[in-house]
């Protein structure tokens, strides 16, 4: 196989509210941590063990604005994206590294935040979008 693939699919809970950053020219990004859990039984102690993995997610432009509007800490979300590593110089001169998930598609599974008119978005009305293509719209009619 000659090609490569960089694709991530996660279902997890937001560890914090969306942190927005705005740039000149009108672009913006939103960042938030996502927790995924693995539960297993320790065979020697018969104890139930929960292991949590934290992922740093980044959403861009309209997707970031949608996430900020509807998501809060604790909400459950499905995301697809790609892994991206980056580095930068800290104020003290040291080089910092991070690995992030650049989100390209998402679906809200549960949301707590009220929409306009105090109407609650339920898991039966998932909101999603593919934000790779310009001028993409939110899809409300999901096949499941």
N, C-alpha and C. Protein backbone atom coordinates (compact mmCIF):
# COMPACT_ATOMS: atom_id res chain seq x y z
N UNK A 1 0.85 -1.18 0.00
CA UNK A 1 0.00 0.00 0.00
C UNK A 1 0.89 1.23 0.00
N UNK A 2 0.67 2.13 -0.93
CA UNK A 2 1.51 3.33 -1.05
C UNK A 2 1.03 4.49 -0.20
N UNK A 3 -0.27 4.57 0.09
CA UNK A 3 -0.83 5.72 0.80
C UNK A 3 -0.65 5.61 2.30
N UNK A 4 -0.98 6.68 2.97
CA UNK A 4 -0.97 6.71 4.42
C UNK A 4 -2.31 7.24 4.90
N UNK A 5 -2.59 7.07 6.17
CA UNK A 5 -3.85 7.50 6.75
C UNK A 5 -3.61 8.10 8.11
N UNK A 6 -4.17 9.27 8.35
CA UNK A 6 -4.12 9.93 9.65
C UNK A 6 -5.55 10.26 10.01
N UNK A 7 -6.23 9.34 10.69
CA UNK A 7 -7.64 9.53 11.04
C UNK A 7 -7.88 9.08 12.46
N UNK A 8 -8.63 9.89 13.19
CA UNK A 8 -8.96 9.61 14.58
C UNK A 8 -10.47 9.67 14.72
N UNK A 9 -11.04 8.71 15.45
CA UNK A 9 -12.46 8.73 15.80
C UNK A 9 -12.55 8.55 17.31
N UNK A 10 -13.23 9.48 17.98
CA UNK A 10 -13.33 9.45 19.43
C UNK A 10 -14.77 9.70 19.87
N UNK A 11 -15.19 9.04 20.94
CA UNK A 11 -16.41 9.38 21.65
C UNK A 11 -16.00 9.60 23.09
N UNK A 12 -16.30 10.78 23.60
CA UNK A 12 -15.89 11.08 24.97
C UNK A 12 -16.65 12.26 25.53
N UNK A 13 -16.23 12.66 26.72
CA UNK A 13 -16.86 13.76 27.44
C UNK A 13 -15.91 14.95 27.53
N UNK A 14 -16.46 16.15 27.33
CA UNK A 14 -15.66 17.37 27.44
C UNK A 14 -15.15 17.52 28.86
N UNK A 15 -13.87 17.81 28.99
CA UNK A 15 -13.27 18.02 30.30
C UNK A 15 -13.35 19.46 30.74
N UNK A 16 -13.75 20.36 29.85
CA UNK A 16 -13.85 21.79 30.16
C UNK A 16 -14.68 22.45 29.06
N UNK A 17 -15.09 23.68 29.29
CA UNK A 17 -15.79 24.43 28.26
C UNK A 17 -14.82 24.78 27.13
N UNK A 18 -15.36 25.14 25.97
CA UNK A 18 -14.55 25.50 24.81
C UNK A 18 -13.84 26.83 25.11
N UNK A 19 -12.54 26.86 24.83
CA UNK A 19 -11.75 28.10 24.96
C UNK A 19 -11.53 28.64 23.55
N UNK A 20 -12.09 29.81 23.27
CA UNK A 20 -12.03 30.40 21.94
C UNK A 20 -10.84 31.35 21.82
N UNK A 21 -10.24 31.37 20.62
CA UNK A 21 -9.17 32.30 20.28
C UNK A 21 -9.53 32.91 18.93
N UNK A 22 -9.55 34.23 18.87
CA UNK A 22 -9.92 34.93 17.64
C UNK A 22 -8.70 35.57 17.01
N UNK A 23 -8.66 35.60 15.68
CA UNK A 23 -7.53 36.14 14.94
C UNK A 23 -7.99 37.26 14.03
N UNK A 24 -7.03 38.06 13.60
CA UNK A 24 -7.34 39.09 12.61
C UNK A 24 -7.84 38.42 11.34
N UNK A 25 -8.77 39.04 10.68
CA UNK A 25 -9.34 38.47 9.47
C UNK A 25 -10.59 37.65 9.73
N UNK A 26 -10.98 37.52 11.00
CA UNK A 26 -12.24 36.85 11.32
C UNK A 26 -12.15 35.37 11.63
N UNK A 27 -10.99 34.76 11.47
CA UNK A 27 -10.86 33.33 11.78
C UNK A 27 -10.79 33.11 13.28
N UNK A 28 -11.15 31.91 13.71
CA UNK A 28 -11.06 31.58 15.13
C UNK A 28 -10.83 30.08 15.28
N UNK A 29 -10.36 29.71 16.47
CA UNK A 29 -10.23 28.30 16.83
C UNK A 29 -10.79 28.12 18.23
N UNK A 30 -11.27 26.93 18.48
CA UNK A 30 -11.73 26.55 19.81
C UNK A 30 -10.93 25.34 20.27
N UNK A 31 -10.56 25.35 21.53
CA UNK A 31 -9.79 24.23 22.09
C UNK A 31 -10.52 23.69 23.30
N UNK A 32 -10.50 22.36 23.44
CA UNK A 32 -11.07 21.75 24.63
C UNK A 32 -10.51 20.35 24.82
N UNK A 33 -10.43 19.91 26.08
CA UNK A 33 -9.98 18.54 26.36
C UNK A 33 -11.15 17.58 26.27
N UNK A 34 -10.88 16.37 25.78
CA UNK A 34 -11.89 15.32 25.69
C UNK A 34 -11.37 14.10 26.43
N UNK A 35 -12.20 13.53 27.30
CA UNK A 35 -11.83 12.34 28.07
C UNK A 35 -12.48 11.11 27.46
N UNK A 36 -11.67 10.08 27.22
CA UNK A 36 -12.19 8.77 26.83
C UNK A 36 -11.80 7.77 27.92
N UNK A 37 -12.67 6.82 28.20
CA UNK A 37 -12.45 5.87 29.28
C UNK A 37 -12.38 4.45 28.78
N UNK A 38 -11.54 3.68 29.42
CA UNK A 38 -11.46 2.23 29.20
C UNK A 38 -11.72 1.58 30.55
N UNK A 39 -12.65 0.66 30.59
CA UNK A 39 -12.98 -0.03 31.84
C UNK A 39 -12.66 -1.51 31.66
N UNK A 40 -11.94 -2.06 32.64
CA UNK A 40 -11.61 -3.48 32.60
C UNK A 40 -11.54 -4.02 34.03
N UNK A 41 -11.53 -5.34 34.13
CA UNK A 41 -11.46 -6.01 35.42
C UNK A 41 -10.04 -6.55 35.63
N UNK A 42 -9.42 -6.18 36.73
CA UNK A 42 -8.12 -6.73 37.10
C UNK A 42 -8.33 -8.18 37.50
N UNK A 43 -7.73 -9.11 36.74
CA UNK A 43 -7.98 -10.53 36.96
C UNK A 43 -7.47 -11.04 38.30
N UNK A 44 -6.41 -10.44 38.82
CA UNK A 44 -5.86 -10.94 40.08
C UNK A 44 -6.64 -10.42 41.29
N UNK A 45 -7.20 -9.22 41.22
CA UNK A 45 -7.93 -8.66 42.36
C UNK A 45 -9.44 -8.61 42.12
N UNK A 46 -9.87 -8.90 40.89
CA UNK A 46 -11.29 -8.83 40.50
C UNK A 46 -11.85 -7.41 40.68
N UNK A 47 -10.96 -6.43 40.64
CA UNK A 47 -11.35 -5.03 40.84
C UNK A 47 -11.63 -4.38 39.48
N UNK A 48 -12.69 -3.58 39.44
CA UNK A 48 -13.03 -2.83 38.23
C UNK A 48 -12.11 -1.60 38.14
N UNK A 49 -11.39 -1.49 37.03
CA UNK A 49 -10.43 -0.40 36.82
C UNK A 49 -10.91 0.47 35.67
N UNK A 50 -10.92 1.79 35.89
CA UNK A 50 -11.25 2.74 34.83
C UNK A 50 -10.00 3.54 34.52
N UNK A 51 -9.61 3.52 33.27
CA UNK A 51 -8.44 4.26 32.81
C UNK A 51 -8.92 5.38 31.89
N UNK A 52 -8.56 6.62 32.19
CA UNK A 52 -8.99 7.77 31.39
C UNK A 52 -7.83 8.30 30.58
N UNK A 53 -8.08 8.52 29.30
CA UNK A 53 -7.11 9.13 28.39
C UNK A 53 -7.65 10.50 28.00
N UNK A 54 -6.77 11.52 28.06
CA UNK A 54 -7.18 12.89 27.71
C UNK A 54 -6.62 13.25 26.34
N UNK A 55 -7.47 13.88 25.53
CA UNK A 55 -7.13 14.29 24.17
C UNK A 55 -7.36 15.80 24.06
N UNK A 56 -6.43 16.51 23.45
CA UNK A 56 -6.57 17.95 23.21
C UNK A 56 -7.17 18.15 21.83
N UNK A 57 -8.39 18.69 21.77
CA UNK A 57 -9.10 18.87 20.51
C UNK A 57 -9.06 20.32 20.06
N UNK A 58 -9.00 20.52 18.74
CA UNK A 58 -9.01 21.84 18.13
C UNK A 58 -10.06 21.86 17.04
N UNK A 59 -10.98 22.82 17.12
CA UNK A 59 -11.98 23.03 16.07
C UNK A 59 -11.78 24.43 15.50
N UNK A 60 -12.11 24.62 14.24
CA UNK A 60 -11.81 25.88 13.57
C UNK A 60 -13.06 26.57 13.05
N UNK A 61 -13.01 27.89 13.07
CA UNK A 61 -13.97 28.78 12.43
C UNK A 61 -15.41 28.46 12.82
N UNK A 62 -16.28 28.19 11.85
CA UNK A 62 -17.71 27.98 12.13
C UNK A 62 -17.92 26.79 13.06
N UNK A 63 -17.13 25.73 12.89
CA UNK A 63 -17.25 24.57 13.77
C UNK A 63 -16.95 24.96 15.21
N UNK A 64 -15.96 25.81 15.42
CA UNK A 64 -15.61 26.27 16.77
C UNK A 64 -16.76 27.08 17.37
N UNK A 65 -17.37 27.94 16.56
CA UNK A 65 -18.48 28.76 17.05
C UNK A 65 -19.68 27.90 17.43
N UNK A 66 -19.95 26.86 16.64
CA UNK A 66 -21.06 25.95 16.94
C UNK A 66 -20.79 25.19 18.24
N UNK A 67 -19.57 24.68 18.38
CA UNK A 67 -19.21 23.96 19.61
C UNK A 67 -19.30 24.87 20.83
N UNK A 68 -18.81 26.09 20.71
CA UNK A 68 -18.87 27.02 21.84
C UNK A 68 -20.31 27.32 22.23
N UNK A 69 -21.18 27.43 21.25
CA UNK A 69 -22.58 27.77 21.51
C UNK A 69 -23.32 26.65 22.22
N UNK A 70 -23.07 25.40 21.86
CA UNK A 70 -23.88 24.29 22.36
C UNK A 70 -23.22 23.39 23.39
N UNK A 71 -21.90 23.35 23.46
CA UNK A 71 -21.23 22.39 24.33
C UNK A 71 -20.75 23.01 25.63
N UNK A 72 -20.81 22.22 26.69
CA UNK A 72 -20.24 22.61 27.98
C UNK A 72 -19.53 21.39 28.58
N UNK A 73 -18.79 21.64 29.62
CA UNK A 73 -18.07 20.58 30.32
C UNK A 73 -19.02 19.44 30.67
N UNK A 74 -18.58 18.20 30.36
CA UNK A 74 -19.37 17.02 30.67
C UNK A 74 -20.18 16.49 29.51
N UNK A 75 -20.42 17.31 28.49
CA UNK A 75 -21.20 16.86 27.34
C UNK A 75 -20.47 15.74 26.59
N UNK A 76 -21.25 14.84 26.00
CA UNK A 76 -20.69 13.73 25.24
C UNK A 76 -20.73 14.07 23.76
N UNK A 77 -19.62 13.80 23.06
CA UNK A 77 -19.49 14.16 21.65
C UNK A 77 -18.72 13.07 20.90
N UNK A 78 -19.09 12.90 19.64
CA UNK A 78 -18.34 12.04 18.72
C UNK A 78 -17.56 12.96 17.80
N UNK A 79 -16.28 12.71 17.62
CA UNK A 79 -15.46 13.53 16.72
C UNK A 79 -14.64 12.65 15.79
N UNK A 80 -14.39 13.19 14.61
CA UNK A 80 -13.43 12.61 13.68
C UNK A 80 -12.44 13.71 13.35
N UNK A 81 -11.21 13.31 13.12
CA UNK A 81 -10.19 14.29 12.79
C UNK A 81 -8.87 13.63 12.49
N UNK A 82 -7.80 14.43 12.63
CA UNK A 82 -6.46 13.93 12.38
C UNK A 82 -5.53 14.37 13.50
N UNK A 83 -4.50 13.59 13.73
CA UNK A 83 -3.51 13.91 14.76
C UNK A 83 -2.54 14.93 14.18
N UNK A 84 -2.23 15.95 14.97
CA UNK A 84 -1.29 16.99 14.55
C UNK A 84 -0.39 17.31 15.74
N UNK A 85 0.91 17.23 15.53
CA UNK A 85 1.88 17.60 16.56
C UNK A 85 2.46 18.97 16.21
N UNK A 86 2.73 19.76 17.23
CA UNK A 86 3.32 21.08 16.97
C UNK A 86 4.25 21.44 18.13
N UNK A 87 5.09 22.43 17.87
CA UNK A 87 6.00 22.92 18.91
C UNK A 87 6.03 24.44 18.86
N UNK A 88 6.43 25.04 19.98
CA UNK A 88 6.54 26.48 20.07
C UNK A 88 7.54 26.85 21.15
N UNK A 89 7.97 28.09 21.12
CA UNK A 89 8.90 28.59 22.13
C UNK A 89 8.12 29.24 23.27
N UNK A 90 8.35 28.78 24.48
CA UNK A 90 7.72 29.36 25.67
C UNK A 90 8.43 30.67 26.02
N UNK A 91 7.82 31.44 26.90
CA UNK A 91 8.39 32.72 27.31
C UNK A 91 9.78 32.56 27.94
N UNK A 92 10.00 31.42 28.59
CA UNK A 92 11.30 31.20 29.23
C UNK A 92 12.35 30.68 28.25
N UNK A 93 11.98 30.57 26.95
CA UNK A 93 12.92 30.13 25.93
C UNK A 93 12.93 28.64 25.68
N UNK A 94 12.23 27.89 26.51
CA UNK A 94 12.20 26.43 26.31
C UNK A 94 11.26 26.07 25.16
N UNK A 95 11.53 24.94 24.55
CA UNK A 95 10.68 24.46 23.46
C UNK A 95 9.61 23.55 24.04
N UNK A 96 8.36 23.85 23.73
CA UNK A 96 7.21 23.07 24.20
C UNK A 96 6.64 22.28 23.04
N UNK A 97 6.11 21.11 23.35
CA UNK A 97 5.53 20.22 22.34
C UNK A 97 4.13 19.81 22.77
N UNK A 98 3.26 19.62 21.81
CA UNK A 98 1.92 19.10 22.10
C UNK A 98 1.42 18.30 20.91
N UNK A 99 0.51 17.40 21.19
CA UNK A 99 -0.17 16.64 20.16
C UNK A 99 -1.66 16.91 20.30
N UNK A 100 -2.31 17.27 19.20
CA UNK A 100 -3.71 17.66 19.22
C UNK A 100 -4.49 16.85 18.18
N UNK A 101 -5.79 16.83 18.34
CA UNK A 101 -6.70 16.27 17.35
C UNK A 101 -7.34 17.45 16.63
N UNK A 102 -7.07 17.58 15.34
CA UNK A 102 -7.69 18.60 14.50
C UNK A 102 -9.03 18.03 14.04
N UNK A 103 -10.12 18.54 14.59
CA UNK A 103 -11.45 17.99 14.34
C UNK A 103 -11.94 18.40 12.96
N UNK A 104 -12.42 17.43 12.18
CA UNK A 104 -12.98 17.70 10.86
C UNK A 104 -14.48 17.44 10.82
N UNK A 105 -14.98 16.55 11.67
CA UNK A 105 -16.41 16.25 11.76
C UNK A 105 -16.75 15.98 13.20
N UNK A 106 -18.00 16.28 13.58
CA UNK A 106 -18.42 16.00 14.94
C UNK A 106 -19.93 15.81 14.99
N UNK A 107 -20.37 15.12 16.04
CA UNK A 107 -21.78 14.93 16.32
C UNK A 107 -21.97 15.08 17.82
N UNK A 108 -22.91 15.93 18.23
CA UNK A 108 -23.23 16.09 19.64
C UNK A 108 -24.07 14.89 20.05
N UNK A 109 -23.66 14.17 21.07
CA UNK A 109 -24.41 13.03 21.55
C UNK A 109 -25.30 13.42 22.72
N UNK A 110 -24.78 14.22 23.65
CA UNK A 110 -25.59 14.82 24.71
C UNK A 110 -25.09 16.23 24.94
N UNK A 111 -26.02 17.15 25.14
CA UNK A 111 -25.66 18.53 25.45
C UNK A 111 -26.53 19.03 26.59
N UNK A 112 -25.95 19.85 27.47
CA UNK A 112 -26.67 20.39 28.61
C UNK A 112 -27.14 21.82 28.38
N UNK A 113 -26.40 22.54 27.53
CA UNK A 113 -26.65 23.96 27.34
C UNK A 113 -27.99 24.18 26.64
N UNK A 114 -28.77 25.14 27.12
CA UNK A 114 -30.05 25.47 26.49
C UNK A 114 -29.83 26.24 25.20
N UNK A 115 -30.70 26.00 24.23
CA UNK A 115 -30.68 26.77 23.00
C UNK A 115 -31.65 27.93 23.15
N UNK A 116 -31.83 28.70 22.11
CA UNK A 116 -32.74 29.84 22.15
C UNK A 116 -34.13 29.37 22.55
N UNK A 117 -34.78 30.12 23.42
CA UNK A 117 -36.13 29.78 23.87
C UNK A 117 -36.16 28.64 24.86
N UNK A 118 -35.05 28.37 25.54
CA UNK A 118 -34.95 27.31 26.55
C UNK A 118 -35.29 25.93 26.01
N UNK A 119 -35.11 25.70 24.74
CA UNK A 119 -35.33 24.37 24.15
C UNK A 119 -34.05 23.56 24.29
N UNK A 120 -34.17 22.37 24.80
CA UNK A 120 -33.00 21.51 25.02
C UNK A 120 -32.71 20.69 23.78
N UNK A 121 -31.46 20.61 23.37
CA UNK A 121 -31.06 19.74 22.28
C UNK A 121 -30.92 18.34 22.86
N UNK A 122 -31.55 17.37 22.27
CA UNK A 122 -31.46 16.00 22.80
C UNK A 122 -30.55 15.17 21.92
N UNK A 123 -30.17 14.01 22.45
CA UNK A 123 -29.34 13.10 21.69
C UNK A 123 -30.03 12.56 20.45
N UNK A 124 -31.37 12.69 20.39
CA UNK A 124 -32.08 12.20 19.22
C UNK A 124 -32.04 13.20 18.07
N UNK A 125 -31.55 14.40 18.34
CA UNK A 125 -31.40 15.41 17.30
C UNK A 125 -29.94 15.83 17.20
N UNK A 126 -29.05 14.90 16.80
CA UNK A 126 -27.63 15.23 16.80
C UNK A 126 -27.30 16.32 15.79
N UNK A 127 -26.34 17.13 16.14
CA UNK A 127 -25.84 18.16 15.25
C UNK A 127 -24.48 17.72 14.78
N UNK A 128 -24.22 17.80 13.50
CA UNK A 128 -22.91 17.40 13.01
C UNK A 128 -22.56 18.23 11.80
N UNK A 129 -21.32 18.12 11.39
CA UNK A 129 -20.91 18.83 10.20
C UNK A 129 -19.58 18.32 9.72
N UNK A 130 -19.35 18.42 8.43
CA UNK A 130 -18.05 18.12 7.86
C UNK A 130 -17.46 19.46 7.51
N UNK A 131 -16.40 19.84 8.18
CA UNK A 131 -15.88 21.18 8.03
C UNK A 131 -14.61 21.23 7.22
N UNK A 132 -14.36 20.19 6.42
CA UNK A 132 -13.25 20.23 5.47
C UNK A 132 -13.64 21.04 4.24
N UNK A 133 -14.87 20.90 3.81
CA UNK A 133 -15.32 21.56 2.59
C UNK A 133 -15.82 22.97 2.91
N UNK A 134 -15.49 23.96 2.08
CA UNK A 134 -15.99 25.30 2.32
C UNK A 134 -17.50 25.34 2.16
N UNK A 135 -18.12 26.24 2.92
CA UNK A 135 -19.56 26.46 2.88
C UNK A 135 -20.36 25.21 3.23
N UNK A 136 -19.81 24.34 4.08
CA UNK A 136 -20.56 23.16 4.47
C UNK A 136 -21.64 23.57 5.47
N UNK A 137 -22.71 22.81 5.49
CA UNK A 137 -23.84 23.12 6.36
C UNK A 137 -23.98 22.05 7.43
N UNK A 138 -24.70 22.38 8.48
CA UNK A 138 -24.97 21.42 9.54
C UNK A 138 -26.00 20.42 9.02
N UNK A 139 -25.74 19.14 9.24
CA UNK A 139 -26.66 18.11 8.82
C UNK A 139 -27.55 17.74 10.00
N UNK A 140 -28.86 17.89 9.85
CA UNK A 140 -29.78 17.56 10.92
C UNK A 140 -30.41 16.19 10.75
N UNK A 141 -30.44 15.64 9.53
CA UNK A 141 -31.07 14.35 9.29
C UNK A 141 -30.00 13.27 9.23
N UNK A 142 -29.80 12.62 10.37
CA UNK A 142 -28.80 11.58 10.46
C UNK A 142 -29.46 10.23 10.18
N UNK A 143 -28.76 9.29 9.56
CA UNK A 143 -29.35 8.00 9.23
C UNK A 143 -29.52 7.07 10.43
N UNK A 144 -29.14 7.48 11.61
CA UNK A 144 -29.28 6.61 12.78
C UNK A 144 -29.89 7.35 13.92
